[in-house]
Amino acid sequence: MSDQDRPRDPGLQPERTRLAWRRTTLACTVASVLAVKAALHGRTAAGFTVVAVCGLLWFGFLVLAHLRIRALAGGDTDGPPPLAPRHAAAAALCTAAVAVCAVALLF
């Protein structure tokens, strides 16, 4: 049997990738919670606006991460489908924007 005829053995890569998505979601959640804490401490209208935007970005990232985690857990023998470039860009933008919102609340 040649290498091409054997079924693909993805090993632990899908599990590591799934855990990485979960860690990133947790980090995004922590940044959002800290943003809420900072806004409650400052009690300004601008602070609450930034928190609302941060919450929407967090929710958007959560949806994207959930979709990717489900795709990785599909158990397909050919491996999970590749991440669409627009989903990757959206996840990166949401993560960066949440960080910017959190930093904006500090100053």
Protein backbone atom coordinates (compact mmCIF):
# COMPACT_ATOMS: atom_id res chain seq x y z
CA MET A 1 0.00 0.00 0.00
CA SER A 2 1.48 3.36 -0.98
CA ASP A 3 1.43 6.48 1.18
CA GLN A 4 -1.36 7.98 -0.92
CA ASP A 5 -3.64 4.98 -0.41
CA ARG A 6 -3.49 5.08 3.38
CA PRO A 7 -6.08 7.13 5.26
CA ARG A 8 -4.78 10.37 6.72
CA ASP A 9 -3.82 10.23 10.40
CA PRO A 10 -4.06 13.79 11.71
CA GLY A 11 -2.66 12.81 15.09
CA LEU A 12 -3.21 15.41 17.77
CA GLN A 13 -3.09 18.46 15.50
CA PRO A 14 -6.88 19.04 15.45
CA GLU A 15 -6.99 18.74 19.25
CA ARG A 16 -4.14 21.26 19.66
CA THR A 17 -5.84 23.62 17.24
CA ARG A 18 -9.15 23.28 19.07
CA LEU A 19 -7.41 24.06 22.37
CA ALA A 20 -5.72 27.09 20.80
CA TRP A 21 -9.12 28.44 19.73
CA ARG A 22 -10.42 27.91 23.26
CA ARG A 23 -7.40 29.69 24.79
CA THR A 24 -7.84 32.64 22.45
CA THR A 25 -11.54 32.80 23.30
CA LEU A 26 -10.66 32.80 26.99
CA ALA A 27 -8.11 35.60 26.50
CA CYS A 28 -10.69 37.63 24.57
CA THR A 29 -13.21 37.07 27.36
CA VAL A 30 -10.73 38.22 30.01
CA ALA A 31 -9.93 41.37 28.02
CA SER A 32 -13.64 42.11 27.69
CA VAL A 33 -14.30 41.59 31.40
CA LEU A 34 -11.39 43.86 32.30
CA ALA A 35 -12.79 46.47 29.90
CA VAL A 36 -16.14 46.32 31.70
CA LYS A 37 -14.38 46.68 35.05
CA ALA A 38 -12.44 49.72 33.82
CA ALA A 39 -15.61 51.30 32.42
CA LEU A 40 -17.48 50.79 35.68
CA HIS A 41 -14.61 52.37 37.56
CA GLY A 42 -14.47 55.43 35.28
CA ARG A 43 -18.23 55.75 34.71
CA THR A 44 -18.02 57.82 31.53
CA ALA A 45 -20.30 57.67 28.51
CA ALA A 46 -17.31 57.06 26.25
CA GLY A 47 -16.22 54.20 28.48
CA PHE A 48 -19.61 52.53 28.25
CA THR A 49 -19.60 52.99 24.47
CA VAL A 50 -16.21 51.29 24.24
CA VAL A 51 -17.51 48.45 26.43
CA ALA A 52 -20.52 48.00 24.14
CA VAL A 53 -18.26 47.81 21.09
CA CYS A 54 -15.92 45.45 22.95
CA GLY A 55 -18.87 43.22 23.82
CA LEU A 56 -20.02 43.05 20.21
CA LEU A 57 -16.51 42.22 19.04
CA TRP A 58 -16.20 39.55 21.72
CA PHE A 59 -19.50 38.00 20.66
CA GLY A 60 -18.41 38.02 17.00
CA PHE A 61 -15.17 36.26 17.88
CA LEU A 62 -17.03 33.78 20.06
CA VAL A 63 -19.28 32.83 17.13
CA LEU A 64 -16.31 32.43 14.77
CA ALA A 65 -14.38 30.35 17.31
CA HIS A 66 -17.39 28.13 18.00
CA LEU A 67 -17.85 27.44 14.29
CA ARG A 68 -14.18 26.54 13.90
CA ILE A 69 -14.13 24.32 16.99
CA ARG A 70 -17.16 22.44 15.67
CA ALA A 71 -15.47 22.01 12.28
CA LEU A 72 -12.35 20.65 13.97
CA ALA A 73 -14.39 18.22 16.06
CA GLY A 74 -16.16 16.83 12.99
CA GLY A 75 -14.08 13.66 13.04
CA ASP A 76 -13.60 13.65 9.28
CA THR A 77 -10.85 11.23 8.26
CA ASP A 78 -9.59 13.70 5.65
CA GLY A 79 -9.10 16.32 8.34
CA PRO A 80 -11.06 19.47 8.99
CA PRO A 81 -11.81 21.84 6.15
CA PRO A 82 -9.34 24.71 5.87
CA LEU A 83 -10.22 27.95 7.60
CA ALA A 84 -11.71 30.38 5.11
CA PRO A 85 -9.55 33.50 4.64
CA ARG A 86 -12.47 35.80 5.47
CA HIS A 87 -13.09 33.93 8.74
CA ALA A 88 -9.40 34.11 9.61
CA ALA A 89 -9.34 37.84 8.87
CA ALA A 90 -12.51 38.41 10.90
CA ALA A 91 -11.12 36.50 13.89
CA ALA A 92 -7.84 38.43 13.75
CA LEU A 93 -9.65 41.77 13.46
CA CYS A 94 -11.99 40.94 16.36
CA THR A 95 -9.08 39.94 18.57
CA ALA A 96 -7.04 43.03 17.72
CA ALA A 97 -10.05 45.33 18.11
CA VAL A 98 -10.92 43.93 21.54
CA ALA A 99 -7.33 44.57 22.62
CA VAL A 100 -7.49 48.13 21.28
CA CYS A 101 -10.79 48.72 23.11
CA ALA A 102 -9.29 47.42 26.35
CA VAL A 103 -6.24 49.67 25.96
CA ALA A 104 -8.47 52.66 25.12
CA LEU A 105 -10.21 52.26 28.46
CA LEU A 106 -6.90 52.48 30.29
CA PHE A 107 -6.16 55.98 29.00
